[in-house]
């Protein structure tokens, strides 16, 4: 019985720290990806270029909402997909790539380590 008490107390303390910890802030690299994708979106919409918008969509796919979500001031995914599909109208190959990118998820692998989450 005494052997169980210490591990249980330690587990409870670690769990309390993990729950109390705020969500980690996005890294500078993640924020650069968000900013670059927004620049690609703006340029793609200005030039009506579906390839630039596709690149932005693929870049945003590497950032899922569990790691960092772009602020409301940025272009949302549905608007981006609609603009990219409209710009790629009549180009079946590009439309297929846009549809693939629409369902693409982040390839990041995250794991818990001592009360924080590490992703690579």
PDB file of N, CA and C in Angstrom:
ATOM      1  N   UNK A   1       0.821  -1.197   0.000  1.00  0.00           N
ATOM      2  CA  UNK A   1       0.000   0.000   0.000  1.00  0.00           C
ATOM      3  C   UNK A   1       0.861   1.256   0.000  1.00  0.00           C
ATOM      4  N   UNK A   2       1.932   1.244   0.828  1.00  0.00           N
ATOM      5  CA  UNK A   2       2.803   2.413   0.894  1.00  0.00           C
ATOM      6  C   UNK A   2       3.520   2.636  -0.434  1.00  0.00           C
ATOM      7  N   UNK A   3       3.784   1.568  -1.149  1.00  0.00           N
ATOM      8  CA  UNK A   3       4.464   1.691  -2.438  1.00  0.00           C
ATOM      9  C   UNK A   3       3.573   2.354  -3.486  1.00  0.00           C
ATOM     10  N   UNK A   4       2.290   2.292  -3.323  1.00  0.00           N
ATOM     11  CA  UNK A   4       1.369   2.890  -4.278  1.00  0.00           C
ATOM     12  C   UNK A   4       1.129   4.372  -4.015  1.00  0.00           C
ATOM     13  N   UNK A   5       1.271   4.805  -2.790  1.00  0.00           N
ATOM     14  CA  UNK A   5       0.924   6.183  -2.438  1.00  0.00           C
ATOM     15  C   UNK A   5       1.841   7.184  -3.134  1.00  0.00           C
ATOM     16  N   UNK A   6       3.149   6.989  -3.062  1.00  0.00           N
ATOM     17  CA  UNK A   6       4.082   7.938  -3.668  1.00  0.00           C
ATOM     18  C   UNK A   6       3.887   8.055  -5.186  1.00  0.00           C
ATOM     19  N   UNK A   7       3.788   6.957  -5.930  1.00  0.00           N
ATOM     20  CA  UNK A   7       3.541   7.113  -7.375  1.00  0.00           C
ATOM     21  C   UNK A   7       2.207   7.795  -7.683  1.00  0.00           C
ATOM     22  N   UNK A   8       1.188   7.523  -6.885  1.00  0.00           N
ATOM     23  CA  UNK A   8      -0.106   8.163  -7.117  1.00  0.00           C
ATOM     24  C   UNK A   8      -0.028   9.665  -6.874  1.00  0.00           C
ATOM     25  N   UNK A   9       0.663  10.072  -5.826  1.00  0.00           N
ATOM     26  CA  UNK A   9       0.807  11.496  -5.526  1.00  0.00           C
ATOM     27  C   UNK A   9       1.606  12.186  -6.632  1.00  0.00           C
ATOM     28  N   UNK A  10       2.687  11.561  -7.067  1.00  0.00           N
ATOM     29  CA  UNK A  10       3.498  12.137  -8.151  1.00  0.00           C
ATOM     30  C   UNK A  10       2.689  12.255  -9.443  1.00  0.00           C
ATOM     31  N   UNK A  11       1.913  11.250  -9.757  1.00  0.00           N
ATOM     32  CA  UNK A  11       1.078  11.290 -10.962  1.00  0.00           C
ATOM     33  C   UNK A  11       0.046  12.400 -10.878  1.00  0.00           C
ATOM     34  N   UNK A  12      -0.552  12.558  -9.711  1.00  0.00           N
ATOM     35  CA  UNK A  12      -1.550  13.613  -9.524  1.00  0.00           C
ATOM     36  C   UNK A  12      -0.923  14.992  -9.687  1.00  0.00           C
ATOM     37  N   UNK A  13       0.280  15.183  -9.163  1.00  0.00           N
ATOM     38  CA  UNK A  13       0.954  16.475  -9.300  1.00  0.00           C
ATOM     39  C   UNK A  13       1.294  16.776 -10.755  1.00  0.00           C
ATOM     40  N   UNK A  14       1.785  15.787 -11.474  1.00  0.00           N
ATOM     41  CA  UNK A  14       2.111  15.990 -12.885  1.00  0.00           C
ATOM     42  C   UNK A  14       0.863  16.269 -13.710  1.00  0.00           C
ATOM     43  N   UNK A  15      -0.213  15.572 -13.419  1.00  0.00           N
ATOM     44  CA  UNK A  15      -1.463  15.788 -14.145  1.00  0.00           C
ATOM     45  C   UNK A  15      -2.007  17.182 -13.872  1.00  0.00           C
ATOM     46  N   UNK A  16      -1.885  17.654 -12.643  1.00  0.00           N
ATOM     47  CA  UNK A  16      -2.357  18.988 -12.289  1.00  0.00           C
ATOM     48  C   UNK A  16      -1.565  20.048 -13.042  1.00  0.00           C
ATOM     49  N   UNK A  17      -0.259  19.868 -13.151  1.00  0.00           N
ATOM     50  CA  UNK A  17       0.568  20.823 -13.880  1.00  0.00           C
ATOM     51  C   UNK A  17       0.206  20.839 -15.358  1.00  0.00           C
ATOM     52  N   UNK A  18      -0.054  19.691 -15.925  1.00  0.00           N
ATOM     53  CA  UNK A  18      -0.393  19.615 -17.349  1.00  0.00           C
ATOM     54  C   UNK A  18      -1.717  20.299 -17.634  1.00  0.00           C
ATOM     55  N   UNK A  19      -2.698  20.152 -16.746  1.00  0.00           N
ATOM     56  CA  UNK A  19      -4.003  20.772 -16.940  1.00  0.00           C
ATOM     57  C   UNK A  19      -3.911  22.273 -16.747  1.00  0.00           C
ATOM     58  N   UNK A  20      -3.112  22.717 -15.777  1.00  0.00           N
ATOM     59  CA  UNK A  20      -3.016  24.132 -15.467  1.00  0.00           C
ATOM     60  C   UNK A  20      -2.222  24.905 -16.510  1.00  0.00           C
ATOM     61  N   UNK A  21      -1.395  24.224 -17.289  1.00  0.00           N
ATOM     62  CA  UNK A  21      -0.552  24.895 -18.264  1.00  0.00           C
ATOM     63  C   UNK A  21      -1.394  25.408 -19.429  1.00  0.00           C
ATOM     64  N   UNK A  22      -1.160  26.653 -19.823  1.00  0.00           N
ATOM     65  CA  UNK A  22      -1.869  27.237 -20.961  1.00  0.00           C
ATOM     66  C   UNK A  22      -1.386  26.598 -22.249  1.00  0.00           C
ATOM     67  N   UNK A  23      -2.168  26.796 -23.310  1.00  0.00           N
ATOM     68  CA  UNK A  23      -1.735  26.309 -24.617  1.00  0.00           C
ATOM     69  C   UNK A  23      -0.437  27.012 -24.991  1.00  0.00           C
ATOM     70  N   UNK A  24       0.519  26.278 -25.532  1.00  0.00           N
ATOM     71  CA  UNK A  24       1.776  26.920 -25.901  1.00  0.00           C
ATOM     72  C   UNK A  24       1.570  27.905 -27.047  1.00  0.00           C
ATOM     73  N   UNK A  25       2.319  28.979 -27.014  1.00  0.00           N
ATOM     74  CA  UNK A  25       2.236  29.985 -28.071  1.00  0.00           C
ATOM     75  C   UNK A  25       2.849  29.419 -29.348  1.00  0.00           C
ATOM     76  N   UNK A  26       2.362  29.868 -30.493  1.00  0.00           N
ATOM     77  CA  UNK A  26       2.952  29.397 -31.744  1.00  0.00           C
ATOM     78  C   UNK A  26       4.406  29.849 -31.848  1.00  0.00           C
ATOM     79  N   UNK A  27       5.210  29.031 -32.457  1.00  0.00           N
ATOM     80  CA  UNK A  27       6.624  29.356 -32.630  1.00  0.00           C
ATOM     81  C   UNK A  27       6.781  30.414 -33.723  1.00  0.00           C
ATOM     82  N   UNK A  28       7.925  31.086 -33.776  1.00  0.00           N
ATOM     83  CA  UNK A  28       8.148  32.048 -34.863  1.00  0.00           C
ATOM     84  C   UNK A  28       8.048  31.398 -36.247  1.00  0.00           C
ATOM     85  N   UNK A  29       8.490  30.155 -36.364  1.00  0.00           N
ATOM     86  CA  UNK A  29       8.379  29.454 -37.642  1.00  0.00           C
ATOM     87  C   UNK A  29       6.936  29.248 -38.071  1.00  0.00           C
ATOM     88  N   UNK A  30       6.079  28.910 -37.113  1.00  0.00           N
ATOM     89  CA  UNK A  30       4.661  28.731 -37.426  1.00  0.00           C
ATOM     90  C   UNK A  30       4.043  30.052 -37.873  1.00  0.00           C
ATOM     91  N   UNK A  31       4.391  31.131 -37.181  1.00  0.00           N
ATOM     92  CA  UNK A  31       3.841  32.431 -37.551  1.00  0.00           C
ATOM     93  C   UNK A  31       4.346  32.869 -38.931  1.00  0.00           C
ATOM     94  N   UNK A  32       5.590  32.531 -39.262  1.00  0.00           N
ATOM     95  CA  UNK A  32       6.099  32.848 -40.593  1.00  0.00           C
ATOM     96  C   UNK A  32       5.320  32.092 -41.664  1.00  0.00           C
ATOM     97  N   UNK A  33       4.957  30.846 -41.371  1.00  0.00           N
ATOM     98  CA  UNK A  33       4.162  30.072 -42.329  1.00  0.00           C
ATOM     99  C   UNK A  33       2.798  30.712 -42.534  1.00  0.00           C
ATOM    100  N   UNK A  34       2.181  31.170 -41.459  1.00  0.00           N
ATOM    101  CA  UNK A  34       0.872  31.817 -41.573  1.00  0.00           C
ATOM    102  C   UNK A  34       0.996  33.090 -42.405  1.00  0.00           C
ATOM    103  N   UNK A  35       2.011  33.902 -42.123  1.00  0.00           N
ATOM    104  CA  UNK A  35       2.189  35.161 -42.854  1.00  0.00           C
ATOM    105  C   UNK A  35       2.510  34.909 -44.332  1.00  0.00           C
ATOM    106  N   UNK A  36       3.382  33.943 -44.607  1.00  0.00           N
ATOM    107  CA  UNK A  36       3.721  33.628 -45.995  1.00  0.00           C
ATOM    108  C   UNK A  36       2.497  33.119 -46.748  1.00  0.00           C
ATOM    109  N   UNK A  37       1.702  32.280 -46.105  1.00  0.00           N
ATOM    110  CA  UNK A  37       0.503  31.773 -46.775  1.00  0.00           C
ATOM    111  C   UNK A  37      -0.465  32.914 -47.068  1.00  0.00           C
ATOM    112  N   UNK A  38      -0.576  33.872 -46.153  1.00  0.00           N
ATOM    113  CA  UNK A  38      -1.468  35.014 -46.387  1.00  0.00           C
ATOM    114  C   UNK A  38      -0.957  35.873 -47.550  1.00  0.00           C
ATOM    115  N   UNK A  39       0.352  36.028 -47.661  1.00  0.00           N
ATOM    116  CA  UNK A  39       0.921  36.776 -48.789  1.00  0.00           C
ATOM    117  C   UNK A  39       0.669  36.042 -50.109  1.00  0.00           C
ATOM    118  N   UNK A  40       0.805  34.723 -50.098  1.00  0.00           N
ATOM    119  CA  UNK A  40       0.522  33.940 -51.305  1.00  0.00           C
ATOM    120  C   UNK A  40      -0.948  34.044 -51.695  1.00  0.00           C
ATOM    121  N   UNK A  41      -1.828  34.036 -50.705  1.00  0.00           N
ATOM    122  CA  UNK A  41      -3.266  34.165 -50.979  1.00  0.00           C
ATOM    123  C   UNK A  41      -3.554  35.516 -51.625  1.00  0.00           C
ATOM    124  N   UNK A  42      -3.011  36.583 -51.049  1.00  0.00           N
ATOM    125  CA  UNK A  42      -3.257  37.928 -51.582  1.00  0.00           C
ATOM    126  C   UNK A  42      -2.740  38.050 -53.016  1.00  0.00           C
ATOM    127  N   UNK A  43      -1.539  37.558 -53.261  1.00  0.00           N
ATOM    128  CA  UNK A  43      -0.966  37.626 -54.606  1.00  0.00           C
ATOM    129  C   UNK A  43      -1.747  36.743 -55.578  1.00  0.00           C
ATOM    130  N   UNK A  44      -2.140  35.554 -55.126  1.00  0.00           N
ATOM    131  CA  UNK A  44      -2.911  34.652 -55.981  1.00  0.00           C
ATOM    132  C   UNK A  44      -4.270  35.216 -56.349  1.00  0.00           C
ATOM    133  N   UNK A  45      -4.931  35.869 -55.388  1.00  0.00           N
ATOM    134  CA  UNK A  45      -6.238  36.466 -55.674  1.00  0.00           C
ATOM    135  C   UNK A  45      -6.090  37.684 -56.589  1.00  0.00           C
ATOM    136  N   UNK A  46      -5.027  38.450 -56.381  1.00  0.00           N
ATOM    137  CA  UNK A  46      -4.800  39.625 -57.224  1.00  0.00           C
ATOM    138  C   UNK A  46      -4.528  39.223 -58.667  1.00  0.00           C
ATOM    139  N   UNK A  47      -3.744  38.173 -58.862  1.00  0.00           N
ATOM    140  CA  UNK A  47      -3.376  37.714 -60.209  1.00  0.00           C
ATOM    141  C   UNK A  47      -4.333  36.660 -60.763  1.00  0.00           C
ATOM    142  N   UNK A  48      -5.291  36.231 -59.950  1.00  0.00           N
ATOM    143  CA  UNK A  48      -6.210  35.151 -60.317  1.00  0.00           C
ATOM    144  C   UNK A  48      -5.409  33.902 -60.694  1.00  0.00           C
ATOM    145  N   UNK A  49      -4.436  33.568 -59.831  1.00  0.00           N
ATOM    146  CA  UNK A  49      -3.503  32.466 -60.070  1.00  0.00           C
ATOM    147  C   UNK A  49      -3.804  31.312 -59.107  1.00  0.00           C
ATOM    148  N   UNK A  50      -4.384  30.221 -59.602  1.00  0.00           N
ATOM    149  CA  UNK A  50      -4.732  29.114 -58.715  1.00  0.00           C
ATOM    150  C   UNK A  50      -3.510  28.391 -58.140  1.00  0.00           C
ATOM    151  N   UNK A  51      -2.368  28.466 -58.821  1.00  0.00           N
ATOM    152  CA  UNK A  51      -1.167  27.785 -58.328  1.00  0.00           C
ATOM    153  C   UNK A  51      -0.668  28.447 -57.043  1.00  0.00           C
ATOM    154  N   UNK A  52      -0.681  29.781 -56.994  1.00  0.00           N
ATOM    155  CA  UNK A  52      -0.276  30.481 -55.774  1.00  0.00           C
ATOM    156  C   UNK A  52      -1.237  30.174 -54.626  1.00  0.00           C
ATOM    157  N   UNK A  53      -2.524  30.128 -54.936  1.00  0.00           N
ATOM    158  CA  UNK A  53      -3.503  29.820 -53.890  1.00  0.00           C
ATOM    159  C   UNK A  53      -3.371  28.372 -53.428  1.00  0.00           C
ATOM    160  N   UNK A  54      -3.038  27.475 -54.351  1.00  0.00           N
ATOM    161  CA  UNK A  54      -2.806  26.077 -53.988  1.00  0.00           C
ATOM    162  C   UNK A  54      -1.591  25.964 -53.066  1.00  0.00           C
ATOM    163  N   UNK A  55      -0.539  26.717 -53.374  1.00  0.00           N
ATOM    164  CA  UNK A  55       0.649  26.709 -52.512  1.00  0.00           C
ATOM    165  C   UNK A  55       0.296  27.201 -51.109  1.00  0.00           C
ATOM    166  N   UNK A  56      -0.520  28.237 -51.025  1.00  0.00           N
ATOM    167  CA  UNK A  56      -0.949  28.750 -49.718  1.00  0.00           C
ATOM    168  C   UNK A  56      -1.792  27.717 -48.977  1.00  0.00           C
ATOM    169  N   UNK A  57      -2.657  27.041 -49.703  1.00  0.00           N
ATOM    170  CA  UNK A  57      -3.502  26.011 -49.090  1.00  0.00           C
ATOM    171  C   UNK A  57      -2.664  24.863 -48.552  1.00  0.00           C
ATOM    172  N   UNK A  58      -1.661  24.439 -49.300  1.00  0.00           N
ATOM    173  CA  UNK A  58      -0.768  23.365 -48.842  1.00  0.00           C
ATOM    174  C   UNK A  58       0.046  23.808 -47.634  1.00  0.00           C
ATOM    175  N   UNK A  59       0.476  25.069 -47.638  1.00  0.00           N
ATOM    176  CA  UNK A  59       1.239  25.601 -46.513  1.00  0.00           C
ATOM    177  C   UNK A  59       0.377  25.670 -45.259  1.00  0.00           C
ATOM    178  N   UNK A  60      -0.868  26.080 -45.409  1.00  0.00           N
ATOM    179  CA  UNK A  60      -1.780  26.139 -44.264  1.00  0.00           C
ATOM    180  C   UNK A  60      -2.127  24.745 -43.753  1.00  0.00           C
ATOM    181  N   UNK A  61      -2.115  23.751 -44.645  1.00  0.00           N
ATOM    182  CA  UNK A  61      -2.450  22.388 -44.224  1.00  0.00           C
ATOM    183  C   UNK A  61      -1.416  21.842 -43.258  1.00  0.00           C
ATOM    184  N   UNK A  62      -0.187  22.347 -43.362  1.00  0.00           N
ATOM    185  CA  UNK A  62       0.841  21.876 -42.431  1.00  0.00           C
ATOM    186  C   UNK A  62       0.647  22.447 -41.038  1.00  0.00           C
ATOM    187  N   UNK A  63      -0.244  23.416 -40.905  1.00  0.00           N
ATOM    188  CA  UNK A  63      -0.583  23.987 -39.600  1.00  0.00           C
ATOM    189  C   UNK A  63      -2.033  23.647 -39.308  1.00  0.00           C
ATOM    190  N   UNK A  64      -2.259  22.600 -38.568  1.00  0.00           N
ATOM    191  CA  UNK A  64      -3.645  22.301 -38.231  1.00  0.00           C
ATOM    192  C   UNK A  64      -4.063  23.147 -37.041  1.00  0.00           C
ATOM    193  N   UNK A  65      -5.344  23.130 -36.721  1.00  0.00           N
ATOM    194  CA  UNK A  65      -5.866  23.982 -35.653  1.00  0.00           C
ATOM    195  C   UNK A  65      -5.395  23.588 -34.265  1.00  0.00           C
ATOM    196  N   UNK A  66      -4.754  22.430 -34.124  1.00  0.00           N
ATOM    197  CA  UNK A  66      -4.257  22.062 -32.803  1.00  0.00           C
ATOM    198  C   UNK A  66      -2.907  22.698 -32.520  1.00  0.00           C
ATOM    199  N   UNK A  67      -2.181  23.106 -33.567  1.00  0.00           N
ATOM    200  CA  UNK A  67      -0.887  23.741 -33.333  1.00  0.00           C
ATOM    201  C   UNK A  67      -1.005  25.251 -33.376  1.00  0.00           C
ATOM    202  N   UNK A  68      -1.605  25.777 -34.389  1.00  0.00           N
ATOM    203  CA  UNK A  68      -1.823  27.218 -34.495  1.00  0.00           C
ATOM    204  C   UNK A  68      -2.962  27.453 -35.482  1.00  0.00           C
ATOM    205  N   UNK A  69      -3.852  28.316 -35.108  1.00  0.00           N
ATOM    206  CA  UNK A  69      -4.956  28.675 -35.991  1.00  0.00           C
ATOM    207  C   UNK A  69      -4.791  30.138 -36.378  1.00  0.00           C
ATOM    208  N   UNK A  70      -4.829  30.462 -37.664  1.00  0.00           N
ATOM    209  CA  UNK A  70      -4.715  31.861 -38.065  1.00  0.00           C
ATOM    210  C   UNK A  70      -5.842  32.696 -37.459  1.00  0.00           C
ATOM    211  N   UNK A  71      -5.543  33.933 -37.164  1.00  0.00           N
ATOM    212  CA  UNK A  71      -6.531  34.826 -36.554  1.00  0.00           C
ATOM    213  C   UNK A  71      -7.683  35.074 -37.516  1.00  0.00           C
ATOM    214  N   UNK A  72      -8.762  35.620 -36.987  1.00  0.00           N
ATOM    215  CA  UNK A  72      -9.951  35.861 -37.806  1.00  0.00           C
ATOM    216  C   UNK A  72      -9.695  36.862 -38.925  1.00  0.00           C
ATOM    217  N   UNK A  73      -8.697  37.730 -38.758  1.00  0.00           N
ATOM    218  CA  UNK A  73      -8.396  38.734 -39.779  1.00  0.00           C
ATOM    219  C   UNK A  73      -7.797  38.106 -41.035  1.00  0.00           C
ATOM    220  N   UNK A  74      -7.296  36.887 -40.925  1.00  0.00           N
ATOM    221  CA  UNK A  74      -6.694  36.222 -42.071  1.00  0.00           C
ATOM    222  C   UNK A  74      -7.764  35.513 -42.892  1.00  0.00           C
ATOM    223  N   UNK A  75      -7.413  35.176 -44.118  1.00  0.00           N
ATOM    224  CA  UNK A  75      -8.328  34.492 -45.029  1.00  0.00           C
ATOM    225  C   UNK A  75      -8.634  33.095 -44.502  1.00  0.00           C
ATOM    226  N   UNK A  76      -9.920  32.758 -44.422  1.00  0.00           N
ATOM    227  CA  UNK A  76     -10.283  31.427 -43.921  1.00  0.00           C
ATOM    228  C   UNK A  76     -10.181  30.397 -45.044  1.00  0.00           C
ATOM    229  N   UNK A  77     -10.164  29.138 -44.653  1.00  0.00           N
ATOM    230  CA  UNK A  77      -9.932  28.038 -45.593  1.00  0.00           C
ATOM    231  C   UNK A  77     -11.022  27.954 -46.662  1.00  0.00           C
ATOM    232  N   UNK A  78     -12.284  28.140 -46.277  1.00  0.00           N
ATOM    233  CA  UNK A  78     -13.378  28.029 -47.241  1.00  0.00           C
ATOM    234  C   UNK A  78     -13.288  29.106 -48.329  1.00  0.00           C
ATOM    235  N   UNK A  79     -12.948  30.333 -47.923  1.00  0.00           N
ATOM    236  CA  UNK A  79     -12.789  31.418 -48.896  1.00  0.00           C
ATOM    237  C   UNK A  79     -11.642  31.119 -49.851  1.00  0.00           C
ATOM    238  N   UNK A  80     -10.541  30.621 -49.292  1.00  0.00           N
ATOM    239  CA  UNK A  80      -9.372  30.283 -50.107  1.00  0.00           C
ATOM    240  C   UNK A  80      -9.701  29.184 -51.115  1.00  0.00           C
ATOM    241  N   UNK A  81     -10.379  28.146 -50.666  1.00  0.00           N
ATOM    242  CA  UNK A  81     -10.725  27.038 -51.564  1.00  0.00           C
ATOM    243  C   UNK A  81     -11.666  27.509 -52.667  1.00  0.00           C
ATOM    244  N   UNK A  82     -12.651  28.322 -52.303  1.00  0.00           N
ATOM    245  CA  UNK A  82     -13.575  28.855 -53.304  1.00  0.00           C
ATOM    246  C   UNK A  82     -12.875  29.696 -54.357  1.00  0.00           C
ATOM    247  N   UNK A  83     -11.958  30.562 -53.919  1.00  0.00           N
ATOM    248  CA  UNK A  83     -11.222  31.413 -54.860  1.00  0.00           C
ATOM    249  C   UNK A  83     -10.299  30.578 -55.740  1.00  0.00           C
ATOM    250  N   UNK A  84      -9.653  29.586 -55.163  1.00  0.00           N
ATOM    251  CA  UNK A  84      -8.744  28.736 -55.938  1.00  0.00           C
ATOM    252  C   UNK A  84      -9.512  27.929 -56.980  1.00  0.00           C
ATOM    253  N   UNK A  85     -10.666  27.388 -56.596  1.00  0.00           N
ATOM    254  CA  UNK A  85     -11.470  26.615 -57.556  1.00  0.00           C
ATOM    255  C   UNK A  85     -12.004  27.506 -58.672  1.00  0.00           C
ATOM    256  N   UNK A  86     -12.395  28.734 -58.324  1.00  0.00           N
ATOM    257  CA  UNK A  86     -12.891  29.660 -59.347  1.00  0.00           C
ATOM    258  C   UNK A  86     -11.779  30.034 -60.321  1.00  0.00           C
ATOM    259  N   UNK A  87     -10.572  30.243 -59.806  1.00  0.00           N
ATOM    260  CA  UNK A  87      -9.443  30.602 -60.673  1.00  0.00           C
ATOM    261  C   UNK A  87      -8.995  29.426 -61.538  1.00  0.00           C
ATOM    262  N   UNK A  88      -9.222  28.207 -61.049  1.00  0.00           N
ATOM    263  CA  UNK A  88      -8.794  27.011 -61.788  1.00  0.00           C
ATOM    264  C   UNK A  88      -9.905  26.410 -62.636  1.00  0.00           C
ATOM    265  N   UNK A  89     -10.995  27.135 -62.817  1.00  0.00           N
ATOM    266  CA  UNK A  89     -12.130  26.615 -63.579  1.00  0.00           C
ATOM    267  C   UNK A  89     -11.679  26.172 -64.972  1.00  0.00           C
ATOM    268  N   UNK A  90     -12.069  24.962 -65.340  1.00  0.00           N
ATOM    269  CA  UNK A  90     -11.728  24.420 -66.650  1.00  0.00           C
ATOM    270  C   UNK A  90     -10.389  23.702 -66.695  1.00  0.00           C
ATOM    271  N   UNK A  91      -9.648  23.735 -65.608  1.00  0.00           N
ATOM    272  CA  UNK A  91      -8.349  23.056 -65.553  1.00  0.00           C
ATOM    273  C   UNK A  91      -8.477  21.867 -64.600  1.00  0.00           C
ATOM    274  N   UNK A  92      -8.839  20.728 -65.165  1.00  0.00           N
ATOM    275  CA  UNK A  92      -9.150  19.557 -64.346  1.00  0.00           C
ATOM    276  C   UNK A  92      -7.997  19.119 -63.449  1.00  0.00           C
ATOM    277  N   UNK A  93      -6.782  19.198 -63.941  1.00  0.00           N
ATOM    278  CA  UNK A  93      -5.626  18.797 -63.139  1.00  0.00           C
ATOM    279  C   UNK A  93      -5.470  19.657 -61.893  1.00  0.00           C
ATOM    280  N   UNK A  94      -5.592  20.971 -62.071  1.00  0.00           N
ATOM    281  CA  UNK A  94      -5.485  21.875 -60.919  1.00  0.00           C
ATOM    282  C   UNK A  94      -6.652  21.701 -59.959  1.00  0.00           C
ATOM    283  N   UNK A  95      -7.842  21.516 -60.495  1.00  0.00           N
ATOM    284  CA  UNK A  95      -9.000  21.302 -59.622  1.00  0.00           C
ATOM    285  C   UNK A  95      -8.825  20.047 -58.780  1.00  0.00           C
ATOM    286  N   UNK A  96      -8.248  19.020 -59.377  1.00  0.00           N
ATOM    287  CA  UNK A  96      -7.985  17.785 -58.640  1.00  0.00           C
ATOM    288  C   UNK A  96      -6.974  18.026 -57.522  1.00  0.00           C
ATOM    289  N   UNK A  97      -5.921  18.794 -57.806  1.00  0.00           N
ATOM    290  CA  UNK A  97      -4.925  19.107 -56.776  1.00  0.00           C
ATOM    291  C   UNK A  97      -5.527  19.943 -55.649  1.00  0.00           C
ATOM    292  N   UNK A  98      -6.399  20.874 -55.993  1.00  0.00           N
ATOM    293  CA  UNK A  98      -7.046  21.710 -54.977  1.00  0.00           C
ATOM    294  C   UNK A  98      -7.942  20.860 -54.095  1.00  0.00           C
ATOM    295  N   UNK A  99      -8.679  19.926 -54.701  1.00  0.00           N
ATOM    296  CA  UNK A  99      -9.534  19.038 -53.905  1.00  0.00           C
ATOM    297  C   UNK A  99      -8.710  18.148 -52.985  1.00  0.00           C
ATOM    298  N   UNK A 100      -7.554  17.691 -53.452  1.00  0.00           N
ATOM    299  CA  UNK A 100      -6.669  16.897 -52.593  1.00  0.00           C
ATOM    300  C   UNK A 100      -6.149  17.731 -51.430  1.00  0.00           C
ATOM    301  N   UNK A 101      -5.734  18.963 -51.719  1.00  0.00           N
ATOM    302  CA  UNK A 101      -5.202  19.843 -50.670  1.00  0.00           C
ATOM    303  C   UNK A 101      -6.288  20.242 -49.674  1.00  0.00           C
ATOM    304  N   UNK A 102      -7.535  20.258 -50.138  1.00  0.00           N
ATOM    305  CA  UNK A 102      -8.657  20.619 -49.266  1.00  0.00           C
ATOM    306  C   UNK A 102      -8.802  19.637 -48.108  1.00  0.00           C
ATOM    307  N   UNK A 103      -8.513  18.376 -48.351  1.00  0.00           N
ATOM    308  CA  UNK A 103      -8.667  17.349 -47.316  1.00  0.00           C
ATOM    309  C   UNK A 103      -7.361  17.022 -46.608  1.00  0.00           C
ATOM    310  N   UNK A 104      -6.277  17.664 -47.022  1.00  0.00           N
ATOM    311  CA  UNK A 104      -4.967  17.368 -46.442  1.00  0.00           C
ATOM    312  C   UNK A 104      -4.893  17.831 -44.989  1.00  0.00           C
ATOM    313  N   UNK A 105      -4.239  17.035 -44.173  1.00  0.00           N
ATOM    314  CA  UNK A 105      -4.053  17.338 -42.748  1.00  0.00           C
ATOM    315  C   UNK A 105      -2.582  17.580 -42.472  1.00  0.00           C
ATOM    316  N   UNK A 106      -2.316  18.062 -41.288  1.00  0.00           N
ATOM    317  CA  UNK A 106      -0.945  18.315 -40.865  1.00  0.00           C
ATOM    318  C   UNK A 106      -0.161  17.013 -40.778  1.00  0.00           C
ATOM    319  N   UNK A 107       1.110  17.077 -41.112  1.00  0.00           N
ATOM    320  CA  UNK A 107       1.982  15.915 -41.002  1.00  0.00           C
ATOM    321  C   UNK A 107       2.817  15.970 -39.732  1.00  0.00           C
ATOM    322  N   UNK A 108       2.512  16.931 -38.875  1.00  0.00           N
ATOM    323  CA  UNK A 108       3.274  17.052 -37.635  1.00  0.00           C
ATOM    324  C   UNK A 108       2.992  15.883 -36.714  1.00  0.00           C
ATOM    325  N   UNK A 109       4.012  15.485 -35.989  1.00  0.00           N
ATOM    326  CA  UNK A 109       3.850  14.468 -34.965  1.00  0.00           C
ATOM    327  C   UNK A 109       4.092  15.140 -33.624  1.00  0.00           C
ATOM    328  N   UNK A 110       3.116  15.093 -32.744  1.00  0.00           N
ATOM    329  CA  UNK A 110       3.223  15.720 -31.429  1.00  0.00           C
ATOM    330  C   UNK A 110       3.149  14.647 -30.352  1.00  0.00           C
ATOM    331  N   UNK A 111       3.926  14.847 -29.309  1.00  0.00           N
ATOM    332  CA  UNK A 111       3.895  13.913 -28.192  1.00  0.00           C
ATOM    333  C   UNK A 111       4.101  14.679 -26.888  1.00  0.00           C
ATOM    334  N   UNK A 112       3.492  14.194 -25.799  1.00  0.00           N
ATOM    335  CA  UNK A 112       3.653  14.865 -24.508  1.00  0.00           C
ATOM    336  C   UNK A 112       4.997  14.517 -23.885  1.00  0.00           C
ATOM    337  N   UNK A 113       5.615  15.514 -23.250  1.00  0.00           N
ATOM    338  CA  UNK A 113       6.888  15.290 -22.588  1.00  0.00           C
ATOM    339  C   UNK A 113       7.000  16.214 -21.384  1.00  0.00           C
ATOM    340  N   UNK A 114       6.938  15.666 -20.229  1.00  0.00           N
ATOM    341  CA  UNK A 114       7.115  16.400 -18.976  1.00  0.00           C
ATOM    342  C   UNK A 114       6.228  17.633 -18.879  1.00  0.00           C
ATOM    343  N   UNK A 115       4.956  17.454 -19.142  1.00  0.00           N
ATOM    344  CA  UNK A 115       3.991  18.532 -18.962  1.00  0.00           C
ATOM    345  C   UNK A 115       3.875  19.500 -20.119  1.00  0.00           C
ATOM    346  N   UNK A 116       4.516  19.236 -21.239  1.00  0.00           N
ATOM    347  CA  UNK A 116       4.367  20.090 -22.408  1.00  0.00           C
ATOM    348  C   UNK A 116       4.307  19.215 -23.654  1.00  0.00           C
ATOM    349  N   UNK A 117       3.875  19.785 -24.742  1.00  0.00           N
ATOM    350  CA  UNK A 117       3.756  19.040 -25.985  1.00  0.00           C
ATOM    351  C   UNK A 117       4.882  19.444 -26.923  1.00  0.00           C
ATOM    352  N   UNK A 118       5.552  18.461 -27.476  1.00  0.00           N
ATOM    353  CA  UNK A 118       6.641  18.706 -28.417  1.00  0.00           C
ATOM    354  C   UNK A 118       6.192  18.207 -29.787  1.00  0.00           C
ATOM    355  N   UNK A 119       6.329  19.057 -30.787  1.00  0.00           N
ATOM    356  CA  UNK A 119       5.923  18.701 -32.148  1.00  0.00           C
ATOM    357  C   UNK A 119       7.098  18.861 -33.100  1.00  0.00           C
ATOM    358  N   UNK A 120       7.176  17.959 -34.048  1.00  0.00           N
ATOM    359  CA  UNK A 120       8.171  18.096 -35.113  1.00  0.00           C
ATOM    360  C   UNK A 120       7.610  17.539 -36.391  1.00  0.00           C
TER     361      UNK A 120
END
